[in-house]
C-alpha atoms as a PDB file:
ATOM      1  CA  MET A   1      35.160  -4.155  -2.312  1.00  0.00           C
ATOM      2  CA  TYR A   2      38.631  -5.454  -2.999  1.00  0.00           C
ATOM      3  CA  GLY A   3      39.563  -4.705   0.353  1.00  0.00           C
ATOM      4  CA  ILE A   4      36.752  -6.308   2.283  1.00  0.00           C
ATOM      5  CA  ARG A   5      37.731  -9.477   0.309  1.00  0.00           C
ATOM      6  CA  ARG A   6      41.625  -9.338   1.329  1.00  0.00           C
ATOM      7  CA  GLN A   7      40.147  -8.883   4.971  1.00  0.00           C
ATOM      8  CA  PRO A   8      38.229 -11.567   6.858  1.00  0.00           C
ATOM      9  CA  PHE A   9      37.210  -9.901   9.816  1.00  0.00           C
ATOM     10  CA  LEU A  10      35.564  -7.254   7.479  1.00  0.00           C
ATOM     11  CA  ARG A  11      33.631 -10.032   5.530  1.00  0.00           C
ATOM     12  CA  VAL A  12      32.904 -11.729   8.863  1.00  0.00           C
ATOM     13  CA  ALA A  13      31.396  -8.319  10.735  1.00  0.00           C
ATOM     14  CA  LEU A  14      29.617  -7.530   7.280  1.00  0.00           C
ATOM     15  CA  ALA A  15      27.566 -10.910   7.064  1.00  0.00           C
ATOM     16  CA  GLY A  16      26.927 -10.271  10.986  1.00  0.00           C
ATOM     17  CA  LEU A  17      25.307  -6.873  10.339  1.00  0.00           C
ATOM     18  CA  ILE A  18      23.129  -8.549   7.225  1.00  0.00           C
ATOM     19  CA  VAL A  19      22.101 -11.326   9.687  1.00  0.00           C
ATOM     20  CA  VAL A  20      21.190  -8.876  12.688  1.00  0.00           C
ATOM     21  CA  ILE A  21      19.228  -6.668   9.881  1.00  0.00           C
ATOM     22  CA  LEU A  22      17.189  -9.736   8.193  1.00  0.00           C
ATOM     23  CA  PHE A  23      16.494 -11.022  11.566  1.00  0.00           C
ATOM     24  CA  SER A  24      15.140  -7.615  12.620  1.00  0.00           C
ATOM     25  CA  ILE A  25      12.736  -7.486   9.405  1.00  0.00           C
ATOM     26  CA  TYR A  26      11.670 -11.196   9.185  1.00  0.00           C
ATOM     27  CA  ALA A  27      11.235 -12.056  13.372  1.00  0.00           C
ATOM     28  CA  PRO A  28       8.254  -9.780  13.727  1.00  0.00           C
ATOM     29  CA  LEU A  29       6.694 -11.449  10.614  1.00  0.00           C
ATOM     30  CA  ALA A  30       7.613 -14.777  11.856  1.00  0.00           C
ATOM     31  CA  TRP A  31       6.067 -13.967  15.506  1.00  0.00           C
ATOM     32  CA  LEU A  32       3.186 -12.766  13.716  1.00  0.00           C
ATOM     33  CA  ALA A  33       2.947 -16.590  12.075  1.00  0.00           C
ATOM     34  CA  ILE A  34       3.283 -18.159  14.881  1.00  0.00           C
ATOM     35  CA  SER A  35       0.739 -16.397  17.327  1.00  0.00           C
ATOM     36  CA  SER A  36      -2.209 -16.790  14.746  1.00  0.00           C
ATOM     37  CA  VAL A  37      -1.577 -20.337  15.210  1.00  0.00           C
ATOM     38  CA  SER A  38      -1.517 -20.608  18.721  1.00  0.00           C
ATOM     39  CA  THR A  39      -3.866 -21.039  21.394  1.00  0.00           C
ATOM     40  CA  ARG A  40      -4.483 -18.149  23.699  1.00  0.00           C
ATOM     41  CA  ALA A  41      -3.010 -20.201  26.710  1.00  0.00           C
ATOM     42  CA  GLU A  42       0.106 -20.221  24.627  1.00  0.00           C
ATOM     43  CA  LEU A  43       0.301 -16.642  23.919  1.00  0.00           C
ATOM     44  CA  LEU A  44      -0.170 -15.783  27.604  1.00  0.00           C
ATOM     45  CA  SER A  45       2.458 -18.168  28.968  1.00  0.00           C
ATOM     46  CA  LYS A  46       5.500 -17.700  30.482  1.00  0.00           C
ATOM     47  CA  PRO A  47       7.806 -18.017  29.214  1.00  0.00           C
ATOM     48  CA  PRO A  48       6.089 -17.636  25.738  1.00  0.00           C
ATOM     49  CA  HIS A  49       6.380 -20.735  23.245  1.00  0.00           C
ATOM     50  CA  TRP A  50       8.071 -20.051  20.595  1.00  0.00           C
ATOM     51  CA  ILE A  51       6.809 -22.829  18.513  1.00  0.00           C
ATOM     52  CA  PRO A  52       3.447 -24.031  19.583  1.00  0.00           C
ATOM     53  CA  ARG A  53       2.630 -27.369  21.090  1.00  0.00           C
ATOM     54  CA  LYS A  54      -0.626 -27.312  19.945  1.00  0.00           C
ATOM     55  CA  PRO A  55      -1.311 -25.338  16.734  1.00  0.00           C
ATOM     56  CA  THR A  56      -4.488 -24.359  15.751  1.00  0.00           C
ATOM     57  CA  LEU A  57      -6.267 -22.952  12.740  1.00  0.00           C
ATOM     58  CA  GLU A  58      -9.545 -21.861  14.700  1.00  0.00           C
ATOM     59  CA  HIS A  59      -8.493 -18.286  13.901  1.00  0.00           C
ATOM     60  CA  TYR A  60      -8.503 -18.907  10.333  1.00  0.00           C
ATOM     61  CA  ALA A  61     -11.962 -20.950  10.463  1.00  0.00           C
ATOM     62  CA  ASN A  62     -13.583 -18.053  12.423  1.00  0.00           C
ATOM     63  CA  ILE A  63     -12.427 -15.003   9.770  1.00  0.00           C
ATOM     64  CA  LEU A  64     -12.795 -17.066   6.790  1.00  0.00           C
ATOM     65  CA  THR A  65     -15.655 -19.185   7.177  1.00  0.00           C
ATOM     66  CA  THR A  66     -19.413 -18.211   8.044  1.00  0.00           C
ATOM     67  CA  ARG A  67     -19.289 -20.792  11.366  1.00  0.00           C
ATOM     68  CA  PRO A  68     -22.153 -19.959  13.594  1.00  0.00           C
ATOM     69  CA  ASP A  69     -20.134 -19.663  16.772  1.00  0.00           C
ATOM     70  CA  ALA A  70     -17.606 -17.101  15.541  1.00  0.00           C
ATOM     71  CA  PRO A  71     -17.551 -14.401  17.305  1.00  0.00           C
ATOM     72  CA  ASP A  72     -18.712 -11.143  16.128  1.00  0.00           C
ATOM     73  CA  THR A  73     -15.822  -9.525  15.334  1.00  0.00           C
ATOM     74  CA  ALA A  74     -14.574 -12.445  12.974  1.00  0.00           C
ATOM     75  CA  ARG A  75     -17.555 -11.586  10.398  1.00  0.00           C
ATOM     76  CA  VAL A  76     -16.412  -7.858  10.682  1.00  0.00           C
ATOM     77  CA  PHE A  77     -13.059  -8.238   9.765  1.00  0.00           C
ATOM     78  CA  ARG A  78     -14.261 -10.650   6.868  1.00  0.00           C
ATOM     79  CA  ARG A  79     -16.700  -7.525   5.386  1.00  0.00           C
ATOM     80  CA  ALA A  80     -13.469  -5.769   6.234  1.00  0.00           C
ATOM     81  CA  LEU A  81     -11.340  -7.343   3.903  1.00  0.00           C
ATOM     82  CA  LEU A  82     -13.404  -6.647   0.845  1.00  0.00           C
ATOM     83  CA  ASN A  83     -14.226  -2.815   1.882  1.00  0.00           C
ATOM     84  CA  SER A  84      -9.999  -2.168   1.963  1.00  0.00           C
ATOM     85  CA  PHE A  85      -9.591  -4.436  -1.275  1.00  0.00           C
ATOM     86  CA  ILE A  86     -12.556  -2.187  -3.098  1.00  0.00           C
ATOM     87  CA  VAL A  87     -11.538   0.900  -1.625  1.00  0.00           C
ATOM     88  CA  SER A  88      -7.556   0.648  -2.285  1.00  0.00           C
ATOM     89  CA  SER A  89      -8.362  -0.587  -6.011  1.00  0.00           C
ATOM     90  CA  SER A  90     -10.381   1.560  -6.418  1.00  0.00           C
ATOM     91  CA  VAL A  91      -7.885   4.512  -5.268  1.00  0.00           C
ATOM     92  CA  THR A  92      -5.129   3.199  -7.051  1.00  0.00           C
ATOM     93  CA  MET A  93      -6.654   2.431 -10.572  1.00  0.00           C
ATOM     94  CA  ILE A  94      -8.389   6.281 -10.631  1.00  0.00           C
ATOM     95  CA  SER A  95      -4.966   8.059  -9.082  1.00  0.00           C
ATOM     96  CA  LEU A  96      -3.214   6.560 -12.177  1.00  0.00           C
ATOM     97  CA  LEU A  97      -5.989   7.160 -15.273  1.00  0.00           C
ATOM     98  CA  ALA A  98      -5.152  10.985 -13.706  1.00  0.00           C
ATOM     99  CA  GLY A  99      -2.097  10.986 -12.399  1.00  0.00           C
ATOM    100  CA  ILE A 100      -0.229   9.307 -15.072  1.00  0.00           C
ATOM    101  CA  PRO A 101      -0.986  12.253 -17.648  1.00  0.00           C
ATOM    102  CA  ALA A 102      -0.490  14.615 -15.317  1.00  0.00           C
ATOM    103  CA  ALA A 103       2.816  13.540 -14.683  1.00  0.00           C
ATOM    104  CA  TYR A 104       3.657  13.763 -17.844  1.00  0.00           C
ATOM    105  CA  ALA A 105       2.468  17.275 -18.894  1.00  0.00           C
ATOM    106  CA  PHE A 106       4.469  18.512 -15.484  1.00  0.00           C
ATOM    107  CA  ALA A 107       7.556  16.294 -17.185  1.00  0.00           C
ATOM    108  CA  ARG A 108       7.516  17.277 -20.791  1.00  0.00           C
ATOM    109  CA  ILE A 109       5.537  20.463 -20.974  1.00  0.00           C
ATOM    110  CA  ASN A 110       7.049  23.950 -20.483  1.00  0.00           C
ATOM    111  CA  PHE A 111       4.044  25.947 -18.965  1.00  0.00           C
ATOM    112  CA  LYS A 112       4.486  29.256 -16.519  1.00  0.00           C
ATOM    113  CA  GLY A 113       3.826  27.859 -12.938  1.00  0.00           C
ATOM    114  CA  ARG A 114       4.992  24.363 -13.502  1.00  0.00           C
ATOM    115  CA  ARG A 115       7.248  24.091 -10.866  1.00  0.00           C
ATOM    116  CA  GLY A 116       4.695  26.529  -8.322  1.00  0.00           C
ATOM    117  CA  ALA A 117       2.130  24.016  -9.205  1.00  0.00           C
ATOM    118  CA  MET A 118       4.979  20.946  -8.670  1.00  0.00           C
ATOM    119  CA  LEU A 119       5.429  22.223  -4.900  1.00  0.00           C
ATOM    120  CA  SER A 120       2.124  23.151  -4.120  1.00  0.00           C
ATOM    121  CA  ILE A 121       1.195  19.278  -5.037  1.00  0.00           C
ATOM    122  CA  LEU A 122       4.012  18.469  -2.320  1.00  0.00           C
ATOM    123  CA  GLY A 123       2.573  20.602  -0.132  1.00  0.00           C
ATOM    124  CA  THR A 124      -0.649  18.671   0.075  1.00  0.00           C
ATOM    125  CA  ARG A 125       1.398  15.865   1.562  1.00  0.00           C
ATOM    126  CA  MET A 126       2.450  17.924   4.211  1.00  0.00           C
ATOM    127  CA  LEU A 127      -0.625  19.396   5.487  1.00  0.00           C
ATOM    128  CA  PRO A 128      -1.876  17.016   8.693  1.00  0.00           C
ATOM    129  CA  ALA A 129      -4.762  15.511   8.391  1.00  0.00           C
ATOM    130  CA  ILE A 130      -6.586  16.233  11.730  1.00  0.00           C
ATOM    131  CA  SER A 131      -6.440  20.306  10.251  1.00  0.00           C
ATOM    132  CA  ILE A 132      -8.852  19.254   7.758  1.00  0.00           C
ATOM    133  CA  VAL A 133     -10.791  16.677   9.012  1.00  0.00           C
ATOM    134  CA  ILE A 134     -13.677  18.825  10.451  1.00  0.00           C
ATOM    135  CA  PRO A 135     -14.417  20.586   7.058  1.00  0.00           C
ATOM    136  CA  LEU A 136     -14.286  17.554   5.212  1.00  0.00           C
ATOM    137  CA  TYR A 137     -17.040  15.608   7.495  1.00  0.00           C
ATOM    138  CA  MET A 138     -19.188  18.458   7.285  1.00  0.00           C
ATOM    139  CA  ILE A 139     -19.064  18.261   3.578  1.00  0.00           C
ATOM    140  CA  ALA A 140     -19.490  14.536   3.742  1.00  0.00           C
ATOM    141  CA  ALA A 141     -22.144  14.642   6.295  1.00  0.00           C
ATOM    142  CA  ARG A 142     -24.283  17.508   3.869  1.00  0.00           C
ATOM    143  CA  LEU A 143     -23.814  14.962   0.788  1.00  0.00           C
ATOM    144  CA  GLY A 144     -25.091  12.082   2.826  1.00  0.00           C
ATOM    145  CA  VAL A 145     -21.835   9.927   2.125  1.00  0.00           C
ATOM    146  CA  VAL A 146     -20.569   9.363   5.558  1.00  0.00           C
ATOM    147  CA  ASP A 147     -19.762   5.856   6.369  1.00  0.00           C
ATOM    148  CA  THR A 148     -19.679   4.932   2.478  1.00  0.00           C
ATOM    149  CA  ARG A 149     -16.999   3.489   0.640  1.00  0.00           C
ATOM    150  CA  THR A 150     -17.244   6.188  -1.996  1.00  0.00           C
ATOM    151  CA  VAL A 151     -16.546   8.928   0.597  1.00  0.00           C
ATOM    152  CA  LEU A 152     -12.639   6.823   1.517  1.00  0.00           C
ATOM    153  CA  VAL A 153     -12.210   6.728  -2.028  1.00  0.00           C
ATOM    154  CA  VAL A 154     -12.574  10.266  -2.129  1.00  0.00           C
ATOM    155  CA  LEU A 155     -10.494  11.160   0.638  1.00  0.00           C
ATOM    156  CA  TYR A 156      -7.586   8.957   0.241  1.00  0.00           C
ATOM    157  CA  LEU A 157      -7.019  10.360  -3.491  1.00  0.00           C
ATOM    158  CA  THR A 158      -6.155  13.387  -1.625  1.00  0.00           C
ATOM    159  CA  PHE A 159      -3.001  11.974  -0.665  1.00  0.00           C
ATOM    160  CA  THR A 160      -2.303   9.124  -3.492  1.00  0.00           C
ATOM    161  CA  LEU A 161      -3.218  10.995  -6.115  1.00  0.00           C
ATOM    162  CA  PRO A 162      -0.390  14.032  -5.526  1.00  0.00           C
ATOM    163  CA  PHE A 163       2.265  10.695  -4.725  1.00  0.00           C
ATOM    164  CA  VAL A 164       1.638   9.248  -8.301  1.00  0.00           C
ATOM    165  CA  ILE A 165       2.085  12.695  -9.775  1.00  0.00           C
ATOM    166  CA  TRP A 166       4.978  13.303  -8.201  1.00  0.00           C
ATOM    167  CA  ILE A 167       6.713  10.063  -8.219  1.00  0.00           C
ATOM    168  CA  MET A 168       5.219   9.469 -11.848  1.00  0.00           C
ATOM    169  CA  ALA A 169       6.788  13.016 -13.071  1.00  0.00           C
ATOM    170  CA  SER A 170      10.099  12.319 -11.838  1.00  0.00           C
ATOM    171  CA  PHE A 171      10.700   9.019 -13.334  1.00  0.00           C
ATOM    172  CA  PHE A 172       9.276  10.115 -16.484  1.00  0.00           C
ATOM    173  CA  GLN A 173      12.123  13.385 -16.496  1.00  0.00           C
ATOM    174  CA  THR A 174      14.834  10.104 -16.555  1.00  0.00           C
ATOM    175  CA  ILE A 175      13.650   8.915 -19.912  1.00  0.00           C
ATOM    176  CA  PRO A 176      15.097  10.398 -22.909  1.00  0.00           C
ATOM    177  CA  LEU A 177      13.637  12.659 -25.069  1.00  0.00           C
ATOM    178  CA  GLU A 178      14.925  11.231 -28.175  1.00  0.00           C
ATOM    179  CA  LEU A 179      12.222   8.620 -27.693  1.00  0.00           C
ATOM    180  CA  GLU A 180       9.922  10.957 -27.723  1.00  0.00           C
ATOM    181  CA  ASP A 181      11.353  12.902 -30.532  1.00  0.00           C
ATOM    182  CA  ALA A 182      11.363   9.986 -32.966  1.00  0.00           C
ATOM    183  CA  ALA A 183       7.853   8.989 -32.102  1.00  0.00           C
ATOM    184  CA  ARG A 184       6.602  12.668 -33.120  1.00  0.00           C
ATOM    185  CA  ILE A 185       8.632  12.273 -36.333  1.00  0.00           C
ATOM    186  CA  ASP A 186       6.400   9.118 -36.861  1.00  0.00           C
ATOM    187  CA  GLY A 187       3.049  11.096 -36.648  1.00  0.00           C
ATOM    188  CA  CYS A 188       2.112  10.221 -32.865  1.00  0.00           C
ATOM    189  CA  THR A 189       0.801  12.734 -30.249  1.00  0.00           C
ATOM    190  CA  ARG A 190       1.615  13.174 -27.371  1.00  0.00           C
ATOM    191  CA  LEU A 191      -1.162  11.136 -25.738  1.00  0.00           C
ATOM    192  CA  GLY A 192      -0.057   8.362 -28.467  1.00  0.00           C
ATOM    193  CA  THR A 193       3.447   8.890 -27.083  1.00  0.00           C
ATOM    194  CA  LEU A 194       2.693   8.805 -23.730  1.00  0.00           C
ATOM    195  CA  TRP A 195       0.682   5.552 -24.300  1.00  0.00           C
ATOM    196  CA  ARG A 196       3.008   3.423 -26.935  1.00  0.00           C
ATOM    197  CA  VAL A 197       6.862   4.757 -25.861  1.00  0.00           C
ATOM    198  CA  ILE A 198       6.712   6.017 -22.537  1.00  0.00           C
ATOM    199  CA  LEU A 199       4.512   4.023 -20.365  1.00  0.00           C
ATOM    200  CA  PRO A 200       5.684   0.583 -21.794  1.00  0.00           C
ATOM    201  CA  ILE A 201       9.390   1.358 -20.836  1.00  0.00           C
ATOM    202  CA  SER A 202       8.500   2.956 -17.194  1.00  0.00           C
ATOM    203  CA  GLY A 203       7.494  -0.715 -15.886  1.00  0.00           C
ATOM    204  CA  PRO A 204       9.844  -0.374 -13.185  1.00  0.00           C
ATOM    205  CA  GLY A 205       8.125   3.285 -12.324  1.00  0.00           C
ATOM    206  CA  LEU A 206       4.878   2.345 -12.569  1.00  0.00           C
ATOM    207  CA  ALA A 207       4.957  -0.842 -10.821  1.00  0.00           C
ATOM    208  CA  SER A 208       6.762   0.749  -7.927  1.00  0.00           C
ATOM    209  CA  THR A 209       4.018   3.602  -7.907  1.00  0.00           C
ATOM    210  CA  ILE A 210       1.274   0.993  -7.983  1.00  0.00           C
ATOM    211  CA  ILE A 211       2.680  -0.625  -5.138  1.00  0.00           C
ATOM    212  CA  PHE A 212       2.959   2.247  -2.546  1.00  0.00           C
ATOM    213  CA  ALA A 213      -0.167   3.845  -3.745  1.00  0.00           C
ATOM    214  CA  PHE A 214      -1.915   0.248  -2.919  1.00  0.00           C
ATOM    215  CA  LEU A 215       0.006   0.613   0.096  1.00  0.00           C
ATOM    216  CA  LEU A 216      -0.997   4.188   1.232  1.00  0.00           C
ATOM    217  CA  ALA A 217      -4.877   2.737   0.801  1.00  0.00           C
ATOM    218  CA  TRP A 218      -4.965  -0.454   2.362  1.00  0.00           C
ATOM    219  CA  ASP A 219      -2.914   0.850   5.571  1.00  0.00           C
ATOM    220  CA  GLU A 220      -4.885   4.396   6.193  1.00  0.00           C
ATOM    221  CA  PHE A 221      -6.364   4.499   9.423  1.00  0.00           C
ATOM    222  CA  PHE A 222      -7.609   7.782  10.355  1.00  0.00           C
ATOM    223  CA  PHE A 223      -9.767   8.847   8.274  1.00  0.00           C
ATOM    224  CA  ALA A 224     -11.429   5.308   8.028  1.00  0.00           C
ATOM    225  CA  LEU A 225     -12.036   5.819  12.118  1.00  0.00           C
ATOM    226  CA  ILE A 226     -13.778   9.340  11.414  1.00  0.00           C
ATOM    227  CA  PHE A 227     -15.954   8.816   8.477  1.00  0.00           C
ATOM    228  CA  THR A 228     -17.088   5.282   9.218  1.00  0.00           C
ATOM    229  CA  SER A 229     -19.268   3.957  11.898  1.00  0.00           C
ATOM    230  CA  THR A 230     -20.788   0.399  10.770  1.00  0.00           C
ATOM    231  CA  GLU A 231     -19.430  -2.768   8.826  1.00  0.00           C
ATOM    232  CA  ALA A 232     -20.583  -1.100   5.987  1.00  0.00           C
ATOM    233  CA  ALA A 233     -17.596   0.555   5.065  1.00  0.00           C
ATOM    234  CA  LYS A 234     -14.876  -0.257   7.700  1.00  0.00           C
ATOM    235  CA  THR A 235     -11.783  -0.880   6.403  1.00  0.00           C
ATOM    236  CA  VAL A 236      -8.940  -3.673   7.757  1.00  0.00           C
ATOM    237  CA  PRO A 237      -6.931  -1.342   9.952  1.00  0.00           C
ATOM    238  CA  LEU A 238     -10.368  -0.834  12.183  1.00  0.00           C
ATOM    239  CA  ALA A 239     -11.054  -4.155  12.367  1.00  0.00           C
ATOM    240  CA  ILE A 240      -7.922  -5.436  13.640  1.00  0.00           C
ATOM    241  CA  ALA A 241      -8.443  -2.460  16.190  1.00  0.00           C
ATOM    242  CA  GLU A 242     -11.628  -3.867  17.262  1.00  0.00           C
ATOM    243  CA  PHE A 243      -9.882  -6.949  18.458  1.00  0.00           C
ATOM    244  CA  THR A 244      -9.211  -4.942  21.109  1.00  0.00           C
ATOM    245  CA  GLY A 245     -12.007  -5.104  23.904  1.00  0.00           C
ATOM    246  CA  ARG A 246     -12.805  -2.836  26.866  1.00  0.00           C
ATOM    247  CA  TYR A 247     -11.632  -5.706  29.358  1.00  0.00           C
ATOM    248  CA  THR A 248      -9.471  -8.552  27.423  1.00  0.00           C
ATOM    249  CA  VAL A 249      -7.473  -8.395  23.928  1.00  0.00           C
ATOM    250  CA  ASP A 250      -7.874 -11.342  21.815  1.00  0.00           C
ATOM    251  CA  TYR A 251      -4.261 -11.650  20.701  1.00  0.00           C
ATOM    252  CA  GLY A 252      -5.057 -14.915  18.506  1.00  0.00           C
ATOM    253  CA  ALA A 253      -7.715 -13.149  16.508  1.00  0.00           C
ATOM    254  CA  MET A 254      -5.813  -9.725  15.937  1.00  0.00           C
ATOM    255  CA  THR A 255      -2.197 -11.438  14.932  1.00  0.00           C
ATOM    256  CA  THR A 256      -4.703 -13.861  12.084  1.00  0.00           C
ATOM    257  CA  GLY A 257      -6.137 -10.488  10.819  1.00  0.00           C
ATOM    258  CA  GLY A 258      -2.555  -8.698  10.834  1.00  0.00           C
ATOM    259  CA  VAL A 259      -1.434 -11.907   8.727  1.00  0.00           C
ATOM    260  CA  LEU A 260      -4.664 -11.792   6.444  1.00  0.00           C
ATOM    261  CA  ALA A 261      -4.356  -7.844   5.815  1.00  0.00           C
ATOM    262  CA  ALA A 262      -0.423  -8.846   4.947  1.00  0.00           C
ATOM    263  CA  ILE A 263      -1.152 -10.760   2.249  1.00  0.00           C
ATOM    264  CA  PRO A 264      -2.963  -8.670  -0.385  1.00  0.00           C
ATOM    265  CA  PRO A 265      -0.094  -6.398  -0.516  1.00  0.00           C
ATOM    266  CA  ILE A 266       2.257  -9.256  -0.988  1.00  0.00           C
ATOM    267  CA  LEU A 267       0.422 -10.684  -3.576  1.00  0.00           C
ATOM    268  CA  ILE A 268       0.602  -7.117  -5.598  1.00  0.00           C
ATOM    269  CA  ALA A 269       4.176  -6.957  -4.942  1.00  0.00           C
ATOM    270  CA  LEU A 270       5.005 -10.503  -6.696  1.00  0.00           C
ATOM    271  CA  LEU A 271       2.554  -9.690  -9.255  1.00  0.00           C
ATOM    272  CA  PHE A 272       4.147  -6.962 -10.437  1.00  0.00           C
ATOM    273  CA  GLN A 273       7.639  -7.571  -9.453  1.00  0.00           C
ATOM    274  CA  ARG A 274       8.511  -9.202 -12.857  1.00  0.00           C
ATOM    275  CA  TYR A 275       6.986  -5.667 -14.531  1.00  0.00           C
ATOM    276  CA  ILE A 276      10.107  -4.180 -12.564  1.00  0.00           C
ATOM    277  CA  VAL A 277      12.647  -6.092 -14.627  1.00  0.00           C
ATOM    278  CA  SER A 278      10.760  -6.442 -18.067  1.00  0.00           C
ATOM    279  CA  GLY A 279      10.064  -2.722 -18.292  1.00  0.00           C
ATOM    280  CA  LEU A 280      13.714  -1.923 -18.453  1.00  0.00           C
ATOM    281  CA  THR A 281      13.691  -3.445 -21.711  1.00  0.00           C
ATOM    282  CA  ALA A 282      10.469  -2.887 -23.198  1.00  0.00           C
ATOM    283  CA  GLY A 283       8.945  -0.752 -25.763  1.00  0.00           C
ATOM    284  CA  ALA A 284      12.334   1.132 -26.509  1.00  0.00           C
ATOM    285  CA  VAL A 285      13.529  -1.333 -29.225  1.00  0.00           C
ATOM    286  CA  LYS A 286       9.988  -1.809 -30.419  1.00  0.00           C
END
């Protein structure tokens, strides 16, 4: 760092690199937002209008309101937003309730086959979904749960639960054992130690795990494509894909759907952002 301060050329090059990286990240998001308030004529114009001359909120009104003249895809997308939020929230909550105790057991309890079990959990993330989709569909069809939110929750747990266990187990291993020993001396059970001592100081790992587990369920496309066919359980990724017709593409509605689909993950990240900082010091002193 001292060498960079002494050499103006390196400072300028580093600043330029940062600008390029930030532009590559935020330019697509800015164009997504601009396209959502542009008319179809402006989106197809050559050269493109980087700033819409006649901005409109018609696409948002079609999706967020019950206008009688709104296209059917807008109504389906509105229902898909609700389905995705319910499924993703349920998957995240169940993954945490089941995954945190399992991760703590893997991190702190020595038992035969622990390493093999952890590797087998990691191995489930390496299994291609397409290789097991046929037997899974046959089971779901026999149980009568195809095209329901329930089957999506169960299927999404197959990849979110191993993720939660692996990430939280790695994080629990970084916490000093002395804190748990002190709690055990004071009479806490293992579950009491997990609840009263470990979780309060696991804010950074817990918040990150919640965000990524929610995103994994929110963005999933393959299982939703195979196991849903109507708006009863259709999710946001499928609804956005349906804006592409056989002969035309509704670019305005598609970009508007992309903006609306990005809002819940952003809110989740902002909601748990403060826990990432406060979790570093909370609980240990108490």
